[in-house]
Amino acid sequence: MLPSIWTLIGQAGTFLVFIWAVMKFVWPPLVQAMEERRQKIAEGLAQSEEAEQALDRARVEAEEIIRESRRKAGEIIEQAGKRGTQIVEQAKQDAIAERDRQVAAAEAEIRLATNQARDALRKRLAELAVAGAGQVIEKEIDAGKHRDMLDRLAAEL
């Protein structure tokens, strides 16, 4: 049994109506969904690329910050070393100055003690000279009258 021509025309017409309906109502939303999906994928790839670039920039920046931090730490350590050396040198200079001050004070005290001992020795020598002279000439010498003479004698000694 052969299909009739009218059946073929009916089927072709139905198929054309079906194609028209699909093209009118089904195809545009399907194309729109595919386009939206393509855009989302493109945006995702672009964002992924941007994220990789941002990550690379962040790595470079982190490395630069680490290098800068190490450099600053080295400078701080170097400054601390210099400051330590300065403090030691200042302490040495202060100790030397204190030693010199104490030596000068001790020398002044020694000179004062030496001068006092010499004065005491001169006075004692003058007293002994008066006593000795009194015994030699066996007469009394007035110490008050001869004080100037004894002072001159003591100054000469």
N, C-alpha and C. Protein backbone atom coordinates (compact mmCIF):
# COMPACT_ATOMS: atom_id res chain seq x y z
N MET A 1 0.79 -1.13 0.00
CA MET A 1 0.00 0.00 0.00
C MET A 1 0.87 1.24 0.00
N LEU A 2 0.58 1.93 -0.95
CA LEU A 2 1.32 3.13 -1.19
C LEU A 2 0.58 4.32 -0.58
N PRO A 3 1.30 5.14 0.02
CA PRO A 3 0.62 6.30 0.60
C PRO A 3 0.16 7.21 -0.51
N SER A 4 -0.89 7.84 -0.24
CA SER A 4 -1.42 8.71 -1.26
C SER A 4 -0.71 10.05 -1.20
N ILE A 5 -0.86 10.76 -2.24
CA ILE A 5 -0.19 12.04 -2.37
C ILE A 5 -0.73 13.02 -1.35
N TRP A 6 -2.02 12.85 -1.06
CA TRP A 6 -2.63 13.75 -0.08
C TRP A 6 -2.06 13.46 1.32
N THR A 7 -1.74 12.30 1.58
CA THR A 7 -1.15 11.95 2.87
C THR A 7 0.24 12.56 2.96
N LEU A 8 0.97 12.48 1.88
CA LEU A 8 2.31 13.06 1.89
C LEU A 8 2.26 14.58 2.02
N ILE A 9 1.31 15.19 1.35
CA ILE A 9 1.17 16.65 1.44
C ILE A 9 0.73 17.02 2.85
N GLY A 10 -0.15 16.23 3.45
CA GLY A 10 -0.61 16.50 4.81
C GLY A 10 0.52 16.35 5.81
N GLN A 11 1.30 15.30 5.59
CA GLN A 11 2.43 15.08 6.50
C GLN A 11 3.48 16.19 6.32
N ALA A 12 3.73 16.60 5.07
CA ALA A 12 4.69 17.68 4.82
C ALA A 12 4.18 18.97 5.41
N GLY A 13 2.87 19.23 5.31
CA GLY A 13 2.31 20.45 5.90
C GLY A 13 2.41 20.41 7.40
N THR A 14 2.14 19.27 8.00
CA THR A 14 2.23 19.12 9.45
C THR A 14 3.69 19.32 9.88
N PHE A 15 4.60 18.76 9.08
CA PHE A 15 6.01 18.90 9.42
C PHE A 15 6.44 20.37 9.33
N LEU A 16 5.93 21.07 8.31
CA LEU A 16 6.26 22.49 8.17
C LEU A 16 5.67 23.30 9.32
N VAL A 17 4.47 22.98 9.75
CA VAL A 17 3.86 23.67 10.89
C VAL A 17 4.68 23.37 12.14
N PHE A 18 5.10 22.14 12.28
CA PHE A 18 5.92 21.77 13.42
C PHE A 18 7.24 22.54 13.40
N ILE A 19 7.90 22.64 12.25
CA ILE A 19 9.15 23.38 12.12
C ILE A 19 8.91 24.85 12.43
N TRP A 20 7.84 25.39 11.87
CA TRP A 20 7.53 26.80 12.16
C TRP A 20 7.32 27.01 13.65
N ALA A 21 6.57 26.15 14.34
CA ALA A 21 6.28 26.27 15.78
C ALA A 21 7.58 26.16 16.58
N VAL A 22 8.45 25.22 16.18
CA VAL A 22 9.72 25.07 16.88
C VAL A 22 10.57 26.32 16.68
N MET A 23 10.65 26.83 15.46
CA MET A 23 11.44 28.02 15.17
C MET A 23 10.86 29.25 15.86
N LYS A 24 9.55 29.31 16.03
CA LYS A 24 8.90 30.48 16.62
C LYS A 24 8.95 30.43 18.14
N PHE A 25 8.68 29.27 18.73
CA PHE A 25 8.50 29.21 20.18
C PHE A 25 9.62 28.47 20.93
N VAL A 26 10.26 27.55 20.34
CA VAL A 26 11.26 26.75 21.06
C VAL A 26 12.68 27.26 20.76
N TRP A 27 12.97 27.53 19.53
CA TRP A 27 14.33 27.88 19.13
C TRP A 27 14.85 29.16 19.78
N PRO A 28 14.12 30.30 19.82
CA PRO A 28 14.68 31.52 20.44
C PRO A 28 15.06 31.34 21.91
N PRO A 29 14.22 30.75 22.79
CA PRO A 29 14.67 30.56 24.16
C PRO A 29 15.88 29.63 24.26
N LEU A 30 15.92 28.63 23.37
CA LEU A 30 17.04 27.71 23.38
C LEU A 30 18.33 28.43 22.96
N VAL A 31 18.29 29.27 21.94
CA VAL A 31 19.45 30.04 21.50
C VAL A 31 19.84 31.05 22.59
N GLN A 32 18.81 31.67 23.19
CA GLN A 32 19.09 32.65 24.26
C GLN A 32 19.77 31.95 25.44
N ALA A 33 19.32 30.79 25.85
CA ALA A 33 19.92 30.04 26.96
C ALA A 33 21.36 29.67 26.62
N MET A 34 21.59 29.24 25.35
CA MET A 34 22.96 28.89 24.94
C MET A 34 23.85 30.13 24.94
N GLU A 35 23.33 31.28 24.51
CA GLU A 35 24.12 32.52 24.50
C GLU A 35 24.45 32.96 25.93
N GLU A 36 23.45 32.88 26.82
CA GLU A 36 23.70 33.23 28.22
C GLU A 36 24.76 32.32 28.82
N ARG A 37 24.69 31.04 28.52
CA ARG A 37 25.66 30.08 29.03
C ARG A 37 27.05 30.40 28.48
N ARG A 38 27.13 30.75 27.15
CA ARG A 38 28.40 31.11 26.54
C ARG A 38 28.98 32.35 27.21
N GLN A 39 28.11 33.34 27.52
CA GLN A 39 28.58 34.57 28.18
C GLN A 39 29.07 34.27 29.60
N LYS A 40 28.35 33.43 30.33
CA LYS A 40 28.77 33.08 31.68
C LYS A 40 30.12 32.36 31.66
N ILE A 41 30.31 31.47 30.70
CA ILE A 41 31.57 30.76 30.59
C ILE A 41 32.69 31.74 30.24
N ALA A 42 32.42 32.67 29.30
CA ALA A 42 33.42 33.66 28.93
C ALA A 42 33.76 34.56 30.13
N GLU A 43 32.72 34.98 30.86
CA GLU A 43 32.97 35.81 32.05
C GLU A 43 33.77 35.03 33.09
N GLY A 44 33.45 33.77 33.29
CA GLY A 44 34.18 32.93 34.25
C GLY A 44 35.63 32.79 33.86
N LEU A 45 35.88 32.58 32.57
CA LEU A 45 37.27 32.48 32.10
C LEU A 45 38.00 33.81 32.28
N ALA A 46 37.32 34.92 31.96
CA ALA A 46 37.95 36.24 32.14
C ALA A 46 38.24 36.49 33.62
N GLN A 47 37.28 36.16 34.48
CA GLN A 47 37.50 36.34 35.92
C GLN A 47 38.63 35.45 36.42
N SER A 48 38.69 34.23 35.89
CA SER A 48 39.76 33.32 36.27
C SER A 48 41.12 33.90 35.86
N GLU A 49 41.18 34.45 34.65
CA GLU A 49 42.42 35.07 34.18
C GLU A 49 42.79 36.27 35.05
N GLU A 50 41.79 37.09 35.36
CA GLU A 50 42.04 38.25 36.22
C GLU A 50 42.50 37.81 37.61
N ALA A 51 41.89 36.74 38.11
CA ALA A 51 42.28 36.24 39.43
C ALA A 51 43.71 35.72 39.41
N GLU A 52 44.11 35.05 38.32
CA GLU A 52 45.49 34.59 38.20
C GLU A 52 46.46 35.77 38.16
N GLN A 53 46.09 36.80 37.39
CA GLN A 53 46.94 37.98 37.32
C GLN A 53 47.02 38.67 38.67
N ALA A 54 45.88 38.77 39.37
CA ALA A 54 45.88 39.38 40.70
C ALA A 54 46.72 38.56 41.67
N LEU A 55 46.64 37.24 41.56
CA LEU A 55 47.45 36.37 42.42
C LEU A 55 48.93 36.57 42.13
N ASP A 56 49.29 36.67 40.85
CA ASP A 56 50.69 36.91 40.50
C ASP A 56 51.16 38.26 41.04
N ARG A 57 50.31 39.29 40.89
CA ARG A 57 50.67 40.61 41.43
C ARG A 57 50.81 40.55 42.95
N ALA A 58 49.91 39.83 43.60
CA ALA A 58 49.97 39.71 45.06
C ALA A 58 51.25 38.99 45.48
N ARG A 59 51.65 37.95 44.73
CA ARG A 59 52.89 37.24 45.05
C ARG A 59 54.09 38.16 44.91
N VAL A 60 54.11 38.91 43.80
CA VAL A 60 55.22 39.83 43.57
C VAL A 60 55.25 40.88 44.68
N GLU A 61 54.08 41.40 45.01
CA GLU A 61 54.00 42.42 46.07
C GLU A 61 54.42 41.84 47.42
N ALA A 62 54.00 40.61 47.70
CA ALA A 62 54.39 39.96 48.97
C ALA A 62 55.90 39.76 49.02
N GLU A 63 56.49 39.34 47.90
CA GLU A 63 57.94 39.17 47.87
C GLU A 63 58.65 40.50 48.07
N GLU A 64 58.12 41.55 47.47
CA GLU A 64 58.72 42.88 47.64
C GLU A 64 58.61 43.34 49.10
N ILE A 65 57.46 43.09 49.70
CA ILE A 65 57.28 43.47 51.12
C ILE A 65 58.25 42.68 51.99
N ILE A 66 58.42 41.40 51.69
CA ILE A 66 59.36 40.58 52.47
C ILE A 66 60.78 41.09 52.30
N ARG A 67 61.16 41.41 51.04
CA ARG A 67 62.50 41.95 50.82
C ARG A 67 62.69 43.26 51.56
N GLU A 68 61.69 44.13 51.50
CA GLU A 68 61.78 45.42 52.18
C GLU A 68 61.88 45.22 53.69
N SER A 69 61.10 44.28 54.22
CA SER A 69 61.14 43.99 55.66
C SER A 69 62.52 43.47 56.06
N ARG A 70 63.08 42.60 55.24
CA ARG A 70 64.42 42.08 55.56
C ARG A 70 65.45 43.19 55.50
N ARG A 71 65.31 44.07 54.52
CA ARG A 71 66.26 45.19 54.41
C ARG A 71 66.15 46.09 55.64
N LYS A 72 64.90 46.40 56.03
CA LYS A 72 64.70 47.24 57.21
C LYS A 72 65.23 46.56 58.46
N ALA A 73 65.00 45.25 58.57
CA ALA A 73 65.51 44.52 59.73
C ALA A 73 67.03 44.58 59.76
N GLY A 74 67.66 44.44 58.59
CA GLY A 74 69.12 44.55 58.53
C GLY A 74 69.59 45.93 58.95
N GLU A 75 68.86 46.97 58.50
CA GLU A 75 69.22 48.34 58.89
C GLU A 75 69.08 48.53 60.40
N ILE A 76 67.99 47.99 60.95
CA ILE A 76 67.77 48.13 62.39
C ILE A 76 68.87 47.42 63.16
N ILE A 77 69.24 46.22 62.71
CA ILE A 77 70.31 45.48 63.38
C ILE A 77 71.62 46.25 63.27
N GLU A 78 71.87 46.80 62.09
CA GLU A 78 73.11 47.57 61.90
C GLU A 78 73.12 48.81 62.79
N GLN A 79 71.98 49.51 62.86
CA GLN A 79 71.89 50.70 63.72
C GLN A 79 72.06 50.32 65.19
N ALA A 80 71.47 49.18 65.57
CA ALA A 80 71.62 48.74 66.96
C ALA A 80 73.08 48.43 67.27
N GLY A 81 73.77 47.81 66.31
CA GLY A 81 75.19 47.53 66.51
C GLY A 81 75.99 48.81 66.65
N LYS A 82 75.70 49.78 65.77
CA LYS A 82 76.40 51.07 65.86
C LYS A 82 76.09 51.75 67.18
N ARG A 83 74.82 51.72 67.59
CA ARG A 83 74.43 52.37 68.85
C ARG A 83 75.12 51.68 70.02
N GLY A 84 75.20 50.35 69.96
CA GLY A 84 75.90 49.61 71.02
C GLY A 84 77.36 50.01 71.10
N THR A 85 77.98 50.13 69.93
CA THR A 85 79.38 50.56 69.88
C THR A 85 79.53 51.97 70.44
N GLN A 86 78.59 52.85 70.08
CA GLN A 86 78.63 54.22 70.59
C GLN A 86 78.48 54.24 72.11
N ILE A 87 77.56 53.43 72.61
CA ILE A 87 77.35 53.38 74.06
C ILE A 87 78.61 52.89 74.77
N VAL A 88 79.26 51.86 74.20
CA VAL A 88 80.49 51.33 74.80
C VAL A 88 81.58 52.41 74.77
N GLU A 89 81.71 53.08 73.63
CA GLU A 89 82.73 54.14 73.51
C GLU A 89 82.43 55.28 74.49
N GLN A 90 81.16 55.66 74.61
CA GLN A 90 80.79 56.73 75.53
C GLN A 90 81.09 56.30 76.97
N ALA A 91 80.80 55.04 77.29
CA ALA A 91 81.10 54.54 78.64
C ALA A 91 82.60 54.56 78.90
N LYS A 92 83.39 54.19 77.89
CA LYS A 92 84.85 54.25 78.04
C LYS A 92 85.31 55.67 78.28
N GLN A 93 84.78 56.60 77.48
CA GLN A 93 85.17 58.00 77.63
C GLN A 93 84.75 58.54 79.00
N ASP A 94 83.55 58.17 79.44
CA ASP A 94 83.10 58.61 80.76
C ASP A 94 83.99 58.03 81.85
N ALA A 95 84.37 56.74 81.70
CA ALA A 95 85.23 56.11 82.70
C ALA A 95 86.60 56.78 82.73
N ILE A 96 87.14 57.09 81.54
CA ILE A 96 88.44 57.76 81.48
C ILE A 96 88.35 59.14 82.12
N ALA A 97 87.27 59.87 81.82
CA ALA A 97 87.09 61.21 82.40
C ALA A 97 86.96 61.12 83.92
N GLU A 98 86.21 60.13 84.41
CA GLU A 98 86.06 59.95 85.86
C GLU A 98 87.40 59.58 86.49
N ARG A 99 88.15 58.70 85.83
CA ARG A 99 89.47 58.32 86.34
C ARG A 99 90.39 59.55 86.41
N ASP A 100 90.39 60.34 85.33
CA ASP A 100 91.23 61.54 85.31
C ASP A 100 90.81 62.52 86.41
N ARG A 101 89.50 62.65 86.62
CA ARG A 101 89.02 63.54 87.68
C ARG A 101 89.46 63.03 89.05
N GLN A 102 89.34 61.72 89.27
CA GLN A 102 89.74 61.16 90.56
C GLN A 102 91.25 61.25 90.75
N VAL A 103 92.02 61.04 89.70
CA VAL A 103 93.48 61.16 89.80
C VAL A 103 93.86 62.60 90.12
N ALA A 104 93.21 63.56 89.46
CA ALA A 104 93.49 64.98 89.72
C ALA A 104 93.13 65.34 91.15
N ALA A 105 91.97 64.82 91.61
CA ALA A 105 91.58 65.11 92.99
C ALA A 105 92.57 64.49 93.97
N ALA A 106 93.02 63.26 93.70
CA ALA A 106 93.99 62.60 94.58
C ALA A 106 95.32 63.35 94.57
N GLU A 107 95.74 63.81 93.37
CA GLU A 107 96.99 64.56 93.30
C GLU A 107 96.88 65.87 94.08
N ALA A 108 95.74 66.54 93.97
CA ALA A 108 95.55 67.79 94.72
C ALA A 108 95.55 67.50 96.22
N GLU A 109 94.92 66.40 96.60
CA GLU A 109 94.89 66.04 98.02
C GLU A 109 96.30 65.70 98.51
N ILE A 110 97.06 65.01 97.67
CA ILE A 110 98.45 64.67 98.03
C ILE A 110 99.28 65.94 98.16
N ARG A 111 99.12 66.88 97.22
CA ARG A 111 99.87 68.15 97.30
C ARG A 111 99.50 68.90 98.58
N LEU A 112 98.19 68.92 98.88
CA LEU A 112 97.75 69.61 100.10
C LEU A 112 98.35 68.93 101.33
N ALA A 113 98.28 67.60 101.37
CA ALA A 113 98.84 66.88 102.52
C ALA A 113 100.35 67.08 102.61
N THR A 114 101.01 67.10 101.45
CA THR A 114 102.47 67.32 101.44
C THR A 114 102.80 68.71 101.96
N ASN A 115 102.06 69.70 101.50
CA ASN A 115 102.29 71.08 101.97
C ASN A 115 102.02 71.21 103.47
N GLN A 116 100.96 70.56 103.93
CA GLN A 116 100.66 70.61 105.36
C GLN A 116 101.76 69.93 106.16
N ALA A 117 102.25 68.81 105.65
CA ALA A 117 103.33 68.10 106.35
C ALA A 117 104.60 68.95 106.36
N ARG A 118 104.89 69.63 105.25
CA ARG A 118 106.07 70.49 105.20
C ARG A 118 105.93 71.65 106.19
N ASP A 119 104.73 72.24 106.23
CA ASP A 119 104.52 73.34 107.19
C ASP A 119 104.70 72.85 108.63
N ALA A 120 104.12 71.69 108.91
CA ALA A 120 104.24 71.14 110.26
C ALA A 120 105.71 70.82 110.57
N LEU A 121 106.41 70.29 109.58
CA LEU A 121 107.82 69.97 109.77
C LEU A 121 108.63 71.24 109.98
N ARG A 122 108.31 72.30 109.23
CA ARG A 122 109.02 73.57 109.40
C ARG A 122 108.79 74.13 110.80
N LYS A 123 107.54 74.07 111.25
CA LYS A 123 107.25 74.59 112.59
C LYS A 123 107.99 73.78 113.65
N ARG A 124 107.97 72.46 113.49
CA ARG A 124 108.66 71.60 114.47
C ARG A 124 110.16 71.85 114.43
N LEU A 125 110.69 72.04 113.20
CA LEU A 125 112.10 72.33 113.05
C LEU A 125 112.45 73.68 113.71
N ALA A 126 111.57 74.66 113.55
CA ALA A 126 111.80 75.97 114.17
C ALA A 126 111.81 75.85 115.68
N GLU A 127 110.87 75.04 116.20
CA GLU A 127 110.83 74.85 117.65
C GLU A 127 112.11 74.17 118.14
N LEU A 128 112.54 73.15 117.38
CA LEU A 128 113.76 72.46 117.76
C LEU A 128 114.98 73.39 117.66
N ALA A 129 114.99 74.25 116.63
CA ALA A 129 116.11 75.19 116.46
C ALA A 129 116.15 76.16 117.63
N VAL A 130 114.95 76.65 118.03
CA VAL A 130 114.91 77.58 119.16
C VAL A 130 115.38 76.88 120.44
N ALA A 131 114.90 75.66 120.62
CA ALA A 131 115.31 74.92 121.82
C ALA A 131 116.80 74.63 121.79
N GLY A 132 117.30 74.24 120.62
CA GLY A 132 118.73 73.95 120.49
C GLY A 132 119.56 75.21 120.68
N ALA A 133 119.11 76.31 120.10
CA ALA A 133 119.86 77.56 120.25
C ALA A 133 119.83 78.00 121.70
N GLY A 134 118.71 77.79 122.37
CA GLY A 134 118.62 78.17 123.78
C GLY A 134 119.58 77.36 124.63
N GLN A 135 119.72 76.13 124.31
CA GLN A 135 120.64 75.31 125.08
C GLN A 135 122.08 75.67 124.75
N VAL A 136 122.33 76.01 123.50
CA VAL A 136 123.69 76.35 123.12
C VAL A 136 124.11 77.64 123.80
N ILE A 137 123.38 78.62 123.79
CA ILE A 137 123.81 79.89 124.37
C ILE A 137 123.36 80.01 125.81
N GLU A 138 122.65 79.07 126.28
CA GLU A 138 122.16 78.98 127.64
C GLU A 138 121.51 80.25 128.11
N LYS A 139 120.81 80.75 127.30
CA LYS A 139 119.98 81.83 127.76
C LYS A 139 118.67 81.72 127.03
N GLU A 140 117.73 82.32 127.53
CA GLU A 140 116.38 82.17 127.01
C GLU A 140 116.18 83.06 125.81
N ILE A 141 115.61 82.46 124.79
CA ILE A 141 115.28 83.23 123.60
C ILE A 141 113.77 83.38 123.60
N ASP A 142 113.33 84.60 123.35
CA ASP A 142 111.90 84.87 123.33
C ASP A 142 111.34 84.46 121.95
N ALA A 143 110.44 83.46 121.93
CA ALA A 143 109.90 82.95 120.68
C ALA A 143 109.03 83.99 120.00
N GLY A 144 108.34 84.82 120.73
CA GLY A 144 107.47 85.85 120.15
C GLY A 144 108.26 86.87 119.38
N LYS A 145 109.43 87.28 119.89
CA LYS A 145 110.25 88.31 119.23
C LYS A 145 110.88 87.78 117.96
N HIS A 146 111.23 86.54 118.01
CA HIS A 146 111.97 86.01 116.88
C HIS A 146 111.08 85.20 115.90
N ARG A 147 109.79 85.35 116.00
CA ARG A 147 108.85 84.61 115.14
C ARG A 147 109.10 84.91 113.66
N ASP A 148 109.29 86.21 113.32
CA ASP A 148 109.53 86.57 111.92
C ASP A 148 110.81 85.91 111.41
N MET A 149 111.84 85.92 112.24
CA MET A 149 113.09 85.32 111.84
C MET A 149 112.90 83.80 111.62
N LEU A 150 112.15 83.16 112.49
CA LEU A 150 111.91 81.74 112.36
C LEU A 150 111.03 81.41 111.16
N ASP A 151 110.08 82.26 110.86
CA ASP A 151 109.22 82.06 109.68
C ASP A 151 110.05 82.16 108.39
N ARG A 152 110.95 83.16 108.35
CA ARG A 152 111.84 83.29 107.17
C ARG A 152 112.71 82.05 107.03
N LEU A 153 113.22 81.57 108.19
CA LEU A 153 114.07 80.39 108.17
C LEU A 153 113.28 79.19 107.70
N ALA A 154 112.05 79.07 108.16
CA ALA A 154 111.19 77.95 107.75
C ALA A 154 110.86 78.04 106.26
N ALA A 155 110.66 79.24 105.74
CA ALA A 155 110.35 79.41 104.32
C ALA A 155 111.55 79.02 103.47
N GLU A 156 112.75 79.30 103.97
CA GLU A 156 113.95 78.94 103.22
C GLU A 156 114.17 77.46 103.21
N LEU A 157 113.74 76.79 104.25
CA LEU A 157 113.90 75.32 104.31
C LEU A 157 112.87 74.70 103.41
